[in-house]
Amino acid sequence: MPPTSFDYTVESITALEVLIGTLLESASPADLDKSFSLGMGAYVGEVIVRHRTGAHWSYDTDQSTALVQSAQHGSYPVFKVSKRFTIGPEHSLVQFVQAAIDDEMPPEARRLP
């Protein structure tokens, strides 16, 4: 059973996935994306910051959005949540968070100089 509280644990991202699935049952992905991606993305990013040594918030002026930066990668949690809403569960937030914490982002992720 997934956790039911949002306590900034890695496990709580599973509860967020369940919530997104429930929301998608009753509203359009575009409406949900517009209403929830920023807040949920901030939550996802904060989970990464709290669990990845050296990770911190930054701002990407080219993309006009916040990102979570580590020594090797920049990850865009708001964009990932948006993809989860609009494209589907193949954009797993659980996998995204774990990869960011392990600093094992996929090759297409933004590698910092």
Protein backbone atom coordinates (compact mmCIF):
# COMPACT_ATOMS: atom_id res chain seq x y z
CA MET A 1 0.00 0.00 0.00
CA PRO A 2 1.47 3.40 -0.96
CA PRO A 3 2.03 6.04 1.69
CA THR A 4 -0.84 8.45 2.10
CA SER A 5 1.05 11.45 3.44
CA PHE A 6 3.25 13.89 1.69
CA ASP A 7 6.22 13.98 4.04
CA TYR A 8 9.05 14.59 1.54
CA THR A 9 10.18 10.97 1.62
CA VAL A 10 11.13 9.18 -1.57
CA GLU A 11 8.28 6.77 -0.85
CA SER A 12 5.75 9.62 -0.88
CA ILE A 13 6.30 10.02 -4.62
CA THR A 14 4.30 6.80 -5.03
CA ALA A 15 1.38 8.53 -3.28
CA LEU A 16 1.77 11.44 -5.69
CA GLU A 17 1.58 9.03 -8.64
CA VAL A 18 -1.63 7.56 -7.18
CA LEU A 19 -3.07 11.04 -6.73
CA ILE A 20 -2.26 11.96 -10.34
CA GLY A 21 -3.92 8.75 -11.55
CA THR A 22 -7.03 9.56 -9.51
CA LEU A 23 -7.16 13.13 -10.79
CA LEU A 24 -6.84 11.93 -14.38
CA GLU A 25 -10.00 9.85 -13.95
CA SER A 26 -12.12 12.97 -13.67
CA ALA A 27 -10.38 15.82 -15.51
CA SER A 28 -8.49 16.45 -18.71
CA PRO A 29 -4.70 16.10 -18.69
CA ALA A 30 -4.32 19.64 -20.06
CA ASP A 31 -6.46 21.16 -17.29
CA LEU A 32 -4.61 19.20 -14.61
CA ASP A 33 -1.25 20.11 -16.09
CA LYS A 34 -2.14 23.79 -15.98
CA SER A 35 -3.50 23.59 -12.41
CA PHE A 36 -1.10 21.23 -10.67
CA SER A 37 2.27 20.87 -12.42
CA LEU A 38 3.98 23.79 -10.73
CA GLY A 39 3.06 22.78 -7.17
CA MET A 40 3.62 19.08 -7.69
CA GLY A 41 6.88 19.78 -9.50
CA ALA A 42 8.06 21.86 -6.56
CA TYR A 43 7.25 18.95 -4.25
CA VAL A 44 9.10 16.44 -6.46
CA GLY A 45 12.11 18.74 -6.67
CA GLU A 46 12.20 19.26 -2.92
CA VAL A 47 12.19 15.50 -2.36
CA ILE A 48 15.26 15.28 -4.61
CA VAL A 49 17.00 18.17 -2.84
CA ARG A 50 16.39 16.60 0.57
CA HIS A 51 17.72 13.18 -0.46
CA ARG A 52 20.55 13.92 -2.91
CA THR A 53 23.76 15.16 -1.34
CA GLY A 54 24.77 18.43 -2.96
CA ALA A 55 21.51 18.93 -4.85
CA HIS A 56 20.07 22.42 -4.76
CA TRP A 57 17.47 24.59 -6.45
CA SER A 58 18.53 26.86 -9.27
CA TYR A 59 16.85 28.74 -12.10
CA ASP A 60 17.36 28.11 -15.79
CA THR A 61 16.93 31.41 -17.59
CA ASP A 62 16.90 29.70 -21.01
CA GLN A 63 13.98 27.46 -20.02
CA SER A 64 12.37 30.04 -17.68
CA THR A 65 11.91 27.48 -14.94
CA ALA A 66 13.37 26.15 -11.74
CA LEU A 67 15.64 23.16 -11.83
CA VAL A 68 17.31 20.92 -9.30
CA GLN A 69 21.01 20.90 -9.86
CA SER A 70 23.56 18.32 -8.75
CA ALA A 71 27.24 18.10 -9.59
CA GLN A 72 26.51 16.32 -12.88
CA HIS A 73 22.91 16.99 -13.90
CA GLY A 74 20.11 19.46 -13.95
CA SER A 75 16.63 18.02 -13.61
CA TYR A 76 13.37 19.80 -14.29
CA PRO A 77 10.71 18.44 -11.94
CA VAL A 78 7.94 20.76 -13.14
CA PHE A 79 8.50 19.64 -16.73
CA LYS A 80 8.49 16.00 -15.61
CA VAL A 81 5.18 16.38 -13.78
CA SER A 82 3.76 18.08 -16.86
CA LYS A 83 4.85 15.12 -19.00
CA ARG A 84 3.31 12.73 -16.46
CA PHE A 85 -0.04 14.50 -16.83
CA THR A 86 0.00 15.03 -20.58
CA ILE A 87 1.90 12.03 -21.93
CA GLY A 88 1.26 9.35 -19.35
CA PRO A 89 2.67 6.94 -16.77
CA GLU A 90 5.71 6.16 -18.90
CA HIS A 91 6.98 9.44 -17.40
CA SER A 92 7.15 7.88 -13.96
CA LEU A 93 7.87 10.30 -11.15
CA VAL A 94 9.12 7.44 -8.98
CA GLN A 95 11.78 6.54 -11.55
CA PHE A 96 12.63 10.20 -12.14
CA VAL A 97 13.19 10.89 -8.43
CA GLN A 98 15.23 7.74 -7.91
CA ALA A 99 17.41 8.47 -10.94
CA ALA A 100 17.98 12.05 -9.78
CA ILE A 101 18.88 10.95 -6.26
CA ASP A 102 21.24 8.27 -7.58
CA ASP A 103 22.63 10.85 -10.08
CA GLU A 104 21.89 8.38 -12.86
CA MET A 105 19.80 10.49 -15.18
CA PRO A 106 19.29 9.06 -18.67
CA PRO A 107 21.54 10.22 -21.52
CA GLU A 108 18.93 12.67 -22.82
CA ALA A 109 18.86 14.48 -19.46
CA ARG A 110 20.71 17.74 -19.32
CA ARG A 111 24.33 17.17 -18.37
CA LEU A 112 25.95 20.21 -16.82
CA PRO A 113 29.42 21.35 -17.90
